């Protein structure tokens, strides 16, 4: 089953890899349903064409260290496809991954 716990475990490992810091046990987390035109392009990889995304997305955000370290996952509403994931350090994109089918 795909759920927020799965996203948290996966993005936590990416946040640790990028920042070289141990993540706290409890990450701050939020989720939102957004329209693609509400996404901030500064936090997305340049190779992502926002027009290729569905109109509505679910965004999972995970933060640590006073939100100087943030991980995110953009998925379909059914959680059956990941469109993009990324890690921001001090507001700058440091890692991203495009597309992935979830089994």
PDB file of N, CA and C in Angstrom:
ATOM      1  N   UNK A   1       0.838  -1.185   0.000  1.00  0.00           N
ATOM      2  CA  UNK A   1       0.000   0.000   0.000  1.00  0.00           C
ATOM      3  C   UNK A   1       0.886   1.252   0.000  1.00  0.00           C
ATOM      4  N   UNK A   2       0.505   2.209  -0.784  1.00  0.00           N
ATOM      5  CA  UNK A   2       1.256   3.454  -0.865  1.00  0.00           C
ATOM      6  C   UNK A   2       0.580   4.456   0.054  1.00  0.00           C
ATOM      7  N   UNK A   3       1.372   5.076   0.904  1.00  0.00           N
ATOM      8  CA  UNK A   3       0.811   6.066   1.812  1.00  0.00           C
ATOM      9  C   UNK A   3       1.876   7.090   2.181  1.00  0.00           C
ATOM     10  N   UNK A   4       1.500   8.012   3.029  1.00  0.00           N
ATOM     11  CA  UNK A   4       2.431   9.064   3.422  1.00  0.00           C
ATOM     12  C   UNK A   4       3.658   8.505   4.124  1.00  0.00           C
ATOM     13  N   UNK A   5       3.521   7.436   4.850  1.00  0.00           N
ATOM     14  CA  UNK A   5       4.660   6.836   5.553  1.00  0.00           C
ATOM     15  C   UNK A   5       5.721   6.377   4.544  1.00  0.00           C
ATOM     16  N   UNK A   6       5.276   5.775   3.449  1.00  0.00           N
ATOM     17  CA  UNK A   6       6.212   5.328   2.422  1.00  0.00           C
ATOM     18  C   UNK A   6       6.965   6.512   1.819  1.00  0.00           C
ATOM     19  N   UNK A   7       6.235   7.598   1.497  1.00  0.00           N
ATOM     20  CA  UNK A   7       6.896   8.776   0.948  1.00  0.00           C
ATOM     21  C   UNK A   7       7.895   9.340   1.951  1.00  0.00           C
ATOM     22  N   UNK A   8       7.501   9.393   3.226  1.00  0.00           N
ATOM     23  CA  UNK A   8       8.383   9.951   4.253  1.00  0.00           C
ATOM     24  C   UNK A   8       9.673   9.151   4.366  1.00  0.00           C
ATOM     25  N   UNK A   9       9.592   7.839   4.385  1.00  0.00           N
ATOM     26  CA  UNK A   9      10.799   6.999   4.495  1.00  0.00           C
ATOM     27  C   UNK A   9      11.715   7.217   3.294  1.00  0.00           C
ATOM     28  N   UNK A  10      11.134   7.258   2.102  1.00  0.00           N
ATOM     29  CA  UNK A  10      11.923   7.394   0.889  1.00  0.00           C
ATOM     30  C   UNK A  10      12.585   8.769   0.821  1.00  0.00           C
ATOM     31  N   UNK A  11      11.820   9.833   1.038  1.00  0.00           N
ATOM     32  CA  UNK A  11      12.390  11.175   0.922  1.00  0.00           C
ATOM     33  C   UNK A  11      13.363  11.453   2.062  1.00  0.00           C
ATOM     34  N   UNK A  12      13.124  10.867   3.238  1.00  0.00           N
ATOM     35  CA  UNK A  12      14.077  11.015   4.352  1.00  0.00           C
ATOM     36  C   UNK A  12      15.456  10.509   3.931  1.00  0.00           C
ATOM     37  N   UNK A  13      15.501   9.365   3.262  1.00  0.00           N
ATOM     38  CA  UNK A  13      16.799   8.822   2.831  1.00  0.00           C
ATOM     39  C   UNK A  13      17.472   9.758   1.826  1.00  0.00           C
ATOM     40  N   UNK A  14      16.702  10.365   0.945  1.00  0.00           N
ATOM     41  CA  UNK A  14      17.269  11.312  -0.025  1.00  0.00           C
ATOM     42  C   UNK A  14      17.748  12.588   0.676  1.00  0.00           C
ATOM     43  N   UNK A  15      16.999  13.056   1.672  1.00  0.00           N
ATOM     44  CA  UNK A  15      17.398  14.254   2.424  1.00  0.00           C
ATOM     45  C   UNK A  15      18.708  14.005   3.160  1.00  0.00           C
ATOM     46  N   UNK A  16      18.853  12.818   3.751  1.00  0.00           N
ATOM     47  CA  UNK A  16      20.108  12.470   4.447  1.00  0.00           C
ATOM     48  C   UNK A  16      21.266  12.401   3.459  1.00  0.00           C
ATOM     49  N   UNK A  17      21.034  11.794   2.309  1.00  0.00           N
ATOM     50  CA  UNK A  17      22.079  11.655   1.297  1.00  0.00           C
ATOM     51  C   UNK A  17      22.565  13.024   0.810  1.00  0.00           C
ATOM     52  N   UNK A  18      21.630  13.898   0.500  1.00  0.00           N
ATOM     53  CA  UNK A  18      21.976  15.221  -0.039  1.00  0.00           C
ATOM     54  C   UNK A  18      22.652  16.103   0.999  1.00  0.00           C
ATOM     55  N   UNK A  19      22.114  16.104   2.217  1.00  0.00           N
ATOM     56  CA  UNK A  19      22.613  17.027   3.245  1.00  0.00           C
ATOM     57  C   UNK A  19      23.765  16.456   4.069  1.00  0.00           C
ATOM     58  N   UNK A  20      23.956  15.137   3.996  1.00  0.00           N
ATOM     59  CA  UNK A  20      24.954  14.467   4.823  1.00  0.00           C
ATOM     60  C   UNK A  20      24.680  14.693   6.309  1.00  0.00           C
ATOM     61  N   UNK A  21      23.394  14.814   6.662  1.00  0.00           N
ATOM     62  CA  UNK A  21      22.976  15.006   8.053  1.00  0.00           C
ATOM     63  C   UNK A  21      21.989  13.924   8.433  1.00  0.00           C
ATOM     64  N   UNK A  22      22.009  13.551   9.682  1.00  0.00           N
ATOM     65  CA  UNK A  22      21.036  12.604  10.213  1.00  0.00           C
ATOM     66  C   UNK A  22      19.702  13.314  10.381  1.00  0.00           C
ATOM     67  N   UNK A  23      18.642  12.719   9.869  1.00  0.00           N
ATOM     68  CA  UNK A  23      17.322  13.324   9.986  1.00  0.00           C
ATOM     69  C   UNK A  23      16.728  13.041  11.364  1.00  0.00           C
ATOM     70  N   UNK A  24      16.010  14.016  11.909  1.00  0.00           N
ATOM     71  CA  UNK A  24      15.337  13.788  13.186  1.00  0.00           C
ATOM     72  C   UNK A  24      14.271  12.697  13.035  1.00  0.00           C
ATOM     73  N   UNK A  25      13.906  12.092  14.139  1.00  0.00           N
ATOM     74  CA  UNK A  25      12.893  11.039  14.116  1.00  0.00           C
ATOM     75  C   UNK A  25      11.592  11.545  13.531  1.00  0.00           C
ATOM     76  N   UNK A  26      11.185  12.729  13.922  1.00  0.00           N
ATOM     77  CA  UNK A  26       9.947  13.317  13.432  1.00  0.00           C
ATOM     78  C   UNK A  26      10.250  14.445  12.454  1.00  0.00           C
ATOM     79  N   UNK A  27       9.917  14.237  11.204  1.00  0.00           N
ATOM     80  CA  UNK A  27      10.014  15.308  10.221  1.00  0.00           C
ATOM     81  C   UNK A  27       8.706  16.088  10.240  1.00  0.00           C
ATOM     82  N   UNK A  28       8.780  17.386  10.045  1.00  0.00           N
ATOM     83  CA  UNK A  28       7.561  18.160   9.839  1.00  0.00           C
ATOM     84  C   UNK A  28       6.989  17.712   8.497  1.00  0.00           C
ATOM     85  N   UNK A  29       5.687  17.524   8.437  1.00  0.00           N
ATOM     86  CA  UNK A  29       5.112  17.087   7.173  1.00  0.00           C
ATOM     87  C   UNK A  29       3.751  17.722   6.935  1.00  0.00           C
ATOM     88  N   UNK A  30       3.503  17.972   5.652  1.00  0.00           N
ATOM     89  CA  UNK A  30       2.235  18.539   5.209  1.00  0.00           C
ATOM     90  C   UNK A  30       1.930  17.961   3.839  1.00  0.00           C
ATOM     91  N   UNK A  31       0.659  17.934   3.495  1.00  0.00           N
ATOM     92  CA  UNK A  31       0.287  17.543   2.143  1.00  0.00           C
ATOM     93  C   UNK A  31      -0.804  18.480   1.645  1.00  0.00           C
ATOM     94  N   UNK A  32      -0.782  18.708   0.354  1.00  0.00           N
ATOM     95  CA  UNK A  32      -1.724  19.627  -0.279  1.00  0.00           C
ATOM     96  C   UNK A  32      -2.156  19.070  -1.625  1.00  0.00           C
ATOM     97  N   UNK A  33      -3.358  19.420  -2.033  1.00  0.00           N
ATOM     98  CA  UNK A  33      -3.763  19.204  -3.407  1.00  0.00           C
ATOM     99  C   UNK A  33      -3.673  20.563  -4.088  1.00  0.00           C
ATOM    100  N   UNK A  34      -2.916  20.621  -5.171  1.00  0.00           N
ATOM    101  CA  UNK A  34      -2.698  21.876  -5.883  1.00  0.00           C
ATOM    102  C   UNK A  34      -2.989  21.704  -7.363  1.00  0.00           C
ATOM    103  N   UNK A  35      -3.270  22.812  -8.014  1.00  0.00           N
ATOM    104  CA  UNK A  35      -3.286  22.831  -9.466  1.00  0.00           C
ATOM    105  C   UNK A  35      -1.852  23.059  -9.925  1.00  0.00           C
ATOM    106  N   UNK A  36      -1.508  22.522 -11.065  1.00  0.00           N
ATOM    107  CA  UNK A  36      -0.121  22.627 -11.529  1.00  0.00           C
ATOM    108  C   UNK A  36       0.340  24.078 -11.669  1.00  0.00           C
ATOM    109  N   UNK A  37      -0.562  25.004 -11.960  1.00  0.00           N
ATOM    110  CA  UNK A  37      -0.154  26.402 -12.104  1.00  0.00           C
ATOM    111  C   UNK A  37       0.168  27.057 -10.768  1.00  0.00           C
ATOM    112  N   UNK A  38      -0.087  26.362  -9.649  1.00  0.00           N
ATOM    113  CA  UNK A  38       0.257  26.876  -8.331  1.00  0.00           C
ATOM    114  C   UNK A  38       1.673  26.479  -7.905  1.00  0.00           C
ATOM    115  N   UNK A  39       2.333  25.626  -8.658  1.00  0.00           N
ATOM    116  CA  UNK A  39       3.680  25.183  -8.319  1.00  0.00           C
ATOM    117  C   UNK A  39       4.683  26.310  -8.537  1.00  0.00           C
ATOM    118  N   UNK A  40       5.661  26.400  -7.655  1.00  0.00           N
ATOM    119  CA  UNK A  40       6.724  27.392  -7.793  1.00  0.00           C
ATOM    120  C   UNK A  40       7.861  26.771  -8.607  1.00  0.00           C
ATOM    121  N   UNK A  41       8.046  27.255  -9.811  1.00  0.00           N
ATOM    122  CA  UNK A  41       9.036  26.682 -10.722  1.00  0.00           C
ATOM    123  C   UNK A  41      10.468  26.796 -10.209  1.00  0.00           C
ATOM    124  N   UNK A  42      10.739  27.676  -9.270  1.00  0.00           N
ATOM    125  CA  UNK A  42      12.087  27.822  -8.712  1.00  0.00           C
ATOM    126  C   UNK A  42      12.517  26.586  -7.920  1.00  0.00           C
ATOM    127  N   UNK A  43      11.544  25.797  -7.470  1.00  0.00           N
ATOM    128  CA  UNK A  43      11.839  24.624  -6.653  1.00  0.00           C
ATOM    129  C   UNK A  43      11.745  23.322  -7.438  1.00  0.00           C
ATOM    130  N   UNK A  44      11.585  23.428  -8.745  1.00  0.00           N
ATOM    131  CA  UNK A  44      11.445  22.255  -9.596  1.00  0.00           C
ATOM    132  C   UNK A  44      12.642  22.149 -10.531  1.00  0.00           C
ATOM    133  N   UNK A  45      12.977  20.934 -10.974  1.00  0.00           N
ATOM    134  CA  UNK A  45      14.078  20.801 -11.938  1.00  0.00           C
ATOM    135  C   UNK A  45      13.736  21.492 -13.250  1.00  0.00           C
ATOM    136  N   UNK A  46      14.733  22.074 -13.874  1.00  0.00           N
ATOM    137  CA  UNK A  46      14.515  22.813 -15.118  1.00  0.00           C
ATOM    138  C   UNK A  46      14.035  21.917 -16.255  1.00  0.00           C
ATOM    139  N   UNK A  47      14.342  20.632 -16.190  1.00  0.00           N
ATOM    140  CA  UNK A  47      13.947  19.713 -17.251  1.00  0.00           C
ATOM    141  C   UNK A  47      12.477  19.306 -17.168  1.00  0.00           C
ATOM    142  N   UNK A  48      11.803  19.674 -16.098  1.00  0.00           N
ATOM    143  CA  UNK A  48      10.387  19.339 -15.936  1.00  0.00           C
ATOM    144  C   UNK A  48       9.530  20.324 -16.727  1.00  0.00           C
ATOM    145  N   UNK A  49       8.667  19.795 -17.587  1.00  0.00           N
ATOM    146  CA  UNK A  49       7.705  20.626 -18.306  1.00  0.00           C
ATOM    147  C   UNK A  49       6.398  20.580 -17.525  1.00  0.00           C
ATOM    148  N   UNK A  50       6.082  21.659 -16.850  1.00  0.00           N
ATOM    149  CA  UNK A  50       4.895  21.701 -15.989  1.00  0.00           C
ATOM    150  C   UNK A  50       3.626  21.398 -16.786  1.00  0.00           C
ATOM    151  N   UNK A  51       3.597  21.755 -18.044  1.00  0.00           N
ATOM    152  CA  UNK A  51       2.413  21.498 -18.860  1.00  0.00           C
ATOM    153  C   UNK A  51       2.159  20.011 -19.078  1.00  0.00           C
ATOM    154  N   UNK A  52       3.167  19.167 -18.854  1.00  0.00           N
ATOM    155  CA  UNK A  52       2.998  17.719 -18.983  1.00  0.00           C
ATOM    156  C   UNK A  52       2.361  17.096 -17.742  1.00  0.00           C
ATOM    157  N   UNK A  53       2.288  17.838 -16.657  1.00  0.00           N
ATOM    158  CA  UNK A  53       1.698  17.333 -15.420  1.00  0.00           C
ATOM    159  C   UNK A  53       0.181  17.392 -15.505  1.00  0.00           C
ATOM    160  N   UNK A  54      -0.499  16.514 -14.749  1.00  0.00           N
ATOM    161  CA  UNK A  54      -1.953  16.615 -14.706  1.00  0.00           C
ATOM    162  C   UNK A  54      -2.369  17.927 -14.041  1.00  0.00           C
ATOM    163  N   UNK A  55      -3.596  18.301 -14.243  1.00  0.00           N
ATOM    164  CA  UNK A  55      -4.069  19.582 -13.708  1.00  0.00           C
ATOM    165  C   UNK A  55      -3.979  19.627 -12.187  1.00  0.00           C
ATOM    166  N   UNK A  56      -4.332  18.522 -11.516  1.00  0.00           N
ATOM    167  CA  UNK A  56      -4.295  18.472 -10.053  1.00  0.00           C
ATOM    168  C   UNK A  56      -3.233  17.488  -9.587  1.00  0.00           C
ATOM    169  N   UNK A  57      -2.496  17.884  -8.559  1.00  0.00           N
ATOM    170  CA  UNK A  57      -1.411  17.084  -7.992  1.00  0.00           C
ATOM    171  C   UNK A  57      -1.539  17.046  -6.483  1.00  0.00           C
ATOM    172  N   UNK A  58      -0.992  16.008  -5.894  1.00  0.00           N
ATOM    173  CA  UNK A  58      -0.844  15.963  -4.445  1.00  0.00           C
ATOM    174  C   UNK A  58       0.629  16.235  -4.151  1.00  0.00           C
ATOM    175  N   UNK A  59       0.896  17.177  -3.268  1.00  0.00           N
ATOM    176  CA  UNK A  59       2.259  17.548  -2.902  1.00  0.00           C
ATOM    177  C   UNK A  59       2.480  17.161  -1.446  1.00  0.00           C
ATOM    178  N   UNK A  60       3.486  16.329  -1.217  1.00  0.00           N
ATOM    179  CA  UNK A  60       3.898  15.973   0.143  1.00  0.00           C
ATOM    180  C   UNK A  60       5.176  16.743   0.443  1.00  0.00           C
ATOM    181  N   UNK A  61       5.178  17.482   1.539  1.00  0.00           N
ATOM    182  CA  UNK A  61       6.347  18.258   1.970  1.00  0.00           C
ATOM    183  C   UNK A  61       6.855  17.713   3.298  1.00  0.00           C
ATOM    184  N   UNK A  62       8.168  17.592   3.415  1.00  0.00           N
ATOM    185  CA  UNK A  62       8.815  17.112   4.636  1.00  0.00           C
ATOM    186  C   UNK A  62       9.946  18.072   4.974  1.00  0.00           C
ATOM    187  N   UNK A  63       9.989  18.550   6.210  1.00  0.00           N
ATOM    188  CA  UNK A  63      10.993  19.528   6.588  1.00  0.00           C
ATOM    189  C   UNK A  63      11.767  19.128   7.828  1.00  0.00           C
ATOM    190  N   UNK A  64      12.987  19.649   7.929  1.00  0.00           N
ATOM    191  CA  UNK A  64      13.843  19.409   9.091  1.00  0.00           C
ATOM    192  C   UNK A  64      14.744  20.618   9.295  1.00  0.00           C
ATOM    193  N   UNK A  65      15.253  20.737  10.499  1.00  0.00           N
ATOM    194  CA  UNK A  65      16.202  21.802  10.853  1.00  0.00           C
ATOM    195  C   UNK A  65      15.625  23.186  10.544  1.00  0.00           C
ATOM    196  N   UNK A  66      14.435  23.427  11.094  1.00  0.00           N
ATOM    197  CA  UNK A  66      13.797  24.723  10.893  1.00  0.00           C
ATOM    198  C   UNK A  66      13.474  24.993   9.436  1.00  0.00           C
ATOM    199  N   UNK A  67      13.214  23.933   8.701  1.00  0.00           N
ATOM    200  CA  UNK A  67      12.895  23.987   7.269  1.00  0.00           C
ATOM    201  C   UNK A  67      14.041  24.490   6.401  1.00  0.00           C
ATOM    202  N   UNK A  68      15.290  24.423   6.913  1.00  0.00           N
ATOM    203  CA  UNK A  68      16.421  24.699   6.022  1.00  0.00           C
ATOM    204  C   UNK A  68      16.628  23.516   5.086  1.00  0.00           C
ATOM    205  N   UNK A  69      16.027  22.386   5.432  1.00  0.00           N
ATOM    206  CA  UNK A  69      16.092  21.176   4.619  1.00  0.00           C
ATOM    207  C   UNK A  69      14.667  20.699   4.371  1.00  0.00           C
ATOM    208  N   UNK A  70      14.255  20.678   3.107  1.00  0.00           N
ATOM    209  CA  UNK A  70      12.884  20.309   2.745  1.00  0.00           C
ATOM    210  C   UNK A  70      12.926  19.270   1.634  1.00  0.00           C
ATOM    211  N   UNK A  71      12.132  18.230   1.797  1.00  0.00           N
ATOM    212  CA  UNK A  71      11.943  17.240   0.744  1.00  0.00           C
ATOM    213  C   UNK A  71      10.509  17.313   0.265  1.00  0.00           C
ATOM    214  N   UNK A  72      10.289  17.046  -1.012  1.00  0.00           N
ATOM    215  CA  UNK A  72       8.919  17.049  -1.526  1.00  0.00           C
ATOM    216  C   UNK A  72       8.732  15.932  -2.536  1.00  0.00           C
ATOM    217  N   UNK A  73       7.486  15.515  -2.672  1.00  0.00           N
ATOM    218  CA  UNK A  73       7.089  14.518  -3.655  1.00  0.00           C
ATOM    219  C   UNK A  73       5.796  15.006  -4.293  1.00  0.00           C
ATOM    220  N   UNK A  74       5.761  15.075  -5.618  1.00  0.00           N
ATOM    221  CA  UNK A  74       4.546  15.409  -6.357  1.00  0.00           C
ATOM    222  C   UNK A  74       3.998  14.126  -6.954  1.00  0.00           C
ATOM    223  N   UNK A  75       2.752  13.809  -6.617  1.00  0.00           N
ATOM    224  CA  UNK A  75       2.146  12.559  -7.070  1.00  0.00           C
ATOM    225  C   UNK A  75       0.781  12.807  -7.687  1.00  0.00           C
ATOM    226  N   UNK A  76       0.250  11.742  -8.251  1.00  0.00           N
ATOM    227  CA  UNK A  76      -1.124  11.785  -8.736  1.00  0.00           C
ATOM    228  C   UNK A  76      -2.053  11.719  -7.531  1.00  0.00           C
ATOM    229  N   UNK A  77      -3.283  12.069  -7.731  1.00  0.00           N
ATOM    230  CA  UNK A  77      -4.266  12.007  -6.651  1.00  0.00           C
ATOM    231  C   UNK A  77      -4.477  10.600  -6.123  1.00  0.00           C
ATOM    232  N   UNK A  78      -4.273   9.600  -6.984  1.00  0.00           N
ATOM    233  CA  UNK A  78      -4.440   8.200  -6.576  1.00  0.00           C
ATOM    234  C   UNK A  78      -3.167   7.601  -5.992  1.00  0.00           C
ATOM    235  N   UNK A  79      -2.094   8.368  -5.942  1.00  0.00           N
ATOM    236  CA  UNK A  79      -0.788   7.918  -5.449  1.00  0.00           C
ATOM    237  C   UNK A  79      -0.202   6.770  -6.256  1.00  0.00           C
ATOM    238  N   UNK A  80      -0.609   6.642  -7.516  1.00  0.00           N
ATOM    239  CA  UNK A  80      -0.079   5.544  -8.315  1.00  0.00           C
ATOM    240  C   UNK A  80       1.070   5.970  -9.224  1.00  0.00           C
ATOM    241  N   UNK A  81       1.362   7.267  -9.255  1.00  0.00           N
ATOM    242  CA  UNK A  81       2.485   7.753 -10.061  1.00  0.00           C
ATOM    243  C   UNK A  81       3.154   8.912  -9.345  1.00  0.00           C
ATOM    244  N   UNK A  82       4.485   8.894  -9.352  1.00  0.00           N
ATOM    245  CA  UNK A  82       5.254  10.018  -8.837  1.00  0.00           C
ATOM    246  C   UNK A  82       5.742  10.791 -10.053  1.00  0.00           C
ATOM    247  N   UNK A  83       5.524  12.109 -10.053  1.00  0.00           N
ATOM    248  CA  UNK A  83       5.938  12.927 -11.188  1.00  0.00           C
ATOM    249  C   UNK A  83       7.307  13.543 -10.966  1.00  0.00           C
ATOM    250  N   UNK A  84       7.553  14.014  -9.760  1.00  0.00           N
ATOM    251  CA  UNK A  84       8.855  14.594  -9.454  1.00  0.00           C
ATOM    252  C   UNK A  84       9.026  14.605  -7.935  1.00  0.00           C
ATOM    253  N   UNK A  85      10.262  14.446  -7.507  1.00  0.00           N
ATOM    254  CA  UNK A  85      10.612  14.564  -6.095  1.00  0.00           C
ATOM    255  C   UNK A  85      11.867  15.425  -6.028  1.00  0.00           C
ATOM    256  N   UNK A  86      12.058  16.107  -4.909  1.00  0.00           N
ATOM    257  CA  UNK A  86      13.237  16.951  -4.787  1.00  0.00           C
ATOM    258  C   UNK A  86      13.605  17.221  -3.356  1.00  0.00           C
ATOM    259  N   UNK A  87      14.829  17.677  -3.182  1.00  0.00           N
ATOM    260  CA  UNK A  87      15.330  18.087  -1.874  1.00  0.00           C
ATOM    261  C   UNK A  87      15.876  19.499  -2.025  1.00  0.00           C
ATOM    262  N   UNK A  88      15.402  20.383  -1.149  1.00  0.00           N
ATOM    263  CA  UNK A  88      15.848  21.771  -1.114  1.00  0.00           C
ATOM    264  C   UNK A  88      16.707  21.974   0.125  1.00  0.00           C
ATOM    265  N   UNK A  89      17.842  22.615  -0.036  1.00  0.00           N
ATOM    266  CA  UNK A  89      18.694  22.996   1.079  1.00  0.00           C
ATOM    267  C   UNK A  89      18.772  24.517   1.053  1.00  0.00           C
ATOM    268  N   UNK A  90      18.314  25.129   2.135  1.00  0.00           N
ATOM    269  CA  UNK A  90      18.267  26.590   2.221  1.00  0.00           C
ATOM    270  C   UNK A  90      17.574  27.213   1.009  1.00  0.00           C
ATOM    271  N   UNK A  91      16.461  26.602   0.597  1.00  0.00           N
ATOM    272  CA  UNK A  91      15.655  27.153  -0.479  1.00  0.00           C
ATOM    273  C   UNK A  91      16.165  26.918  -1.882  1.00  0.00           C
ATOM    274  N   UNK A  92      17.205  26.090  -2.032  1.00  0.00           N
ATOM    275  CA  UNK A  92      17.766  25.811  -3.360  1.00  0.00           C
ATOM    276  C   UNK A  92      17.646  24.319  -3.653  1.00  0.00           C
ATOM    277  N   UNK A  93      17.215  24.001  -4.849  1.00  0.00           N
ATOM    278  CA  UNK A  93      17.077  22.610  -5.256  1.00  0.00           C
ATOM    279  C   UNK A  93      18.455  21.963  -5.370  1.00  0.00           C
ATOM    280  N   UNK A  94      18.673  20.896  -4.609  1.00  0.00           N
ATOM    281  CA  UNK A  94      19.971  20.207  -4.611  1.00  0.00           C
ATOM    282  C   UNK A  94      19.892  18.797  -5.187  1.00  0.00           C
ATOM    283  N   UNK A  95      18.693  18.239  -5.257  1.00  0.00           N
ATOM    284  CA  UNK A  95      18.504  16.897  -5.808  1.00  0.00           C
ATOM    285  C   UNK A  95      17.083  16.803  -6.328  1.00  0.00           C
ATOM    286  N   UNK A  96      16.906  16.090  -7.441  1.00  0.00           N
ATOM    287  CA  UNK A  96      15.558  15.836  -7.936  1.00  0.00           C
ATOM    288  C   UNK A  96      15.542  14.536  -8.723  1.00  0.00           C
ATOM    289  N   UNK A  97      14.357  13.985  -8.825  1.00  0.00           N
ATOM    290  CA  UNK A  97      14.138  12.773  -9.610  1.00  0.00           C
ATOM    291  C   UNK A  97      12.821  12.939 -10.340  1.00  0.00           C
ATOM    292  N   UNK A  98      12.829  12.679 -11.635  1.00  0.00           N
ATOM    293  CA  UNK A  98      11.629  12.796 -12.444  1.00  0.00           C
ATOM    294  C   UNK A  98      10.999  11.438 -12.682  1.00  0.00           C
ATOM    295  N   UNK A  99       9.718  11.369 -12.533  1.00  0.00           N
ATOM    296  CA  UNK A  99       8.849  10.244 -12.876  1.00  0.00           C
ATOM    297  C   UNK A  99       9.239   8.930 -12.263  1.00  0.00           C
ATOM    298  N   UNK A 100       8.230   8.183 -11.932  1.00  0.00           N
ATOM    299  CA  UNK A 100       8.423   6.848 -11.397  1.00  0.00           C
ATOM    300  C   UNK A 100       7.086   6.184 -11.194  1.00  0.00           C
ATOM    301  N   UNK A 101       6.964   4.996 -11.710  1.00  0.00           N
ATOM    302  CA  UNK A 101       5.748   4.231 -11.497  1.00  0.00           C
ATOM    303  C   UNK A 101       5.881   3.473 -10.176  1.00  0.00           C
ATOM    304  N   UNK A 102       4.839   3.473  -9.415  1.00  0.00           N
ATOM    305  CA  UNK A 102       4.832   2.802  -8.132  1.00  0.00           C
ATOM    306  C   UNK A 102       4.028   1.517  -8.263  1.00  0.00           C
ATOM    307  N   UNK A 103       4.605   0.411  -7.825  1.00  0.00           N
ATOM    308  CA  UNK A 103       3.914  -0.884  -7.908  1.00  0.00           C
ATOM    309  C   UNK A 103       3.276  -1.239  -6.603  1.00  0.00           C
TER     310      UNK A 103
END
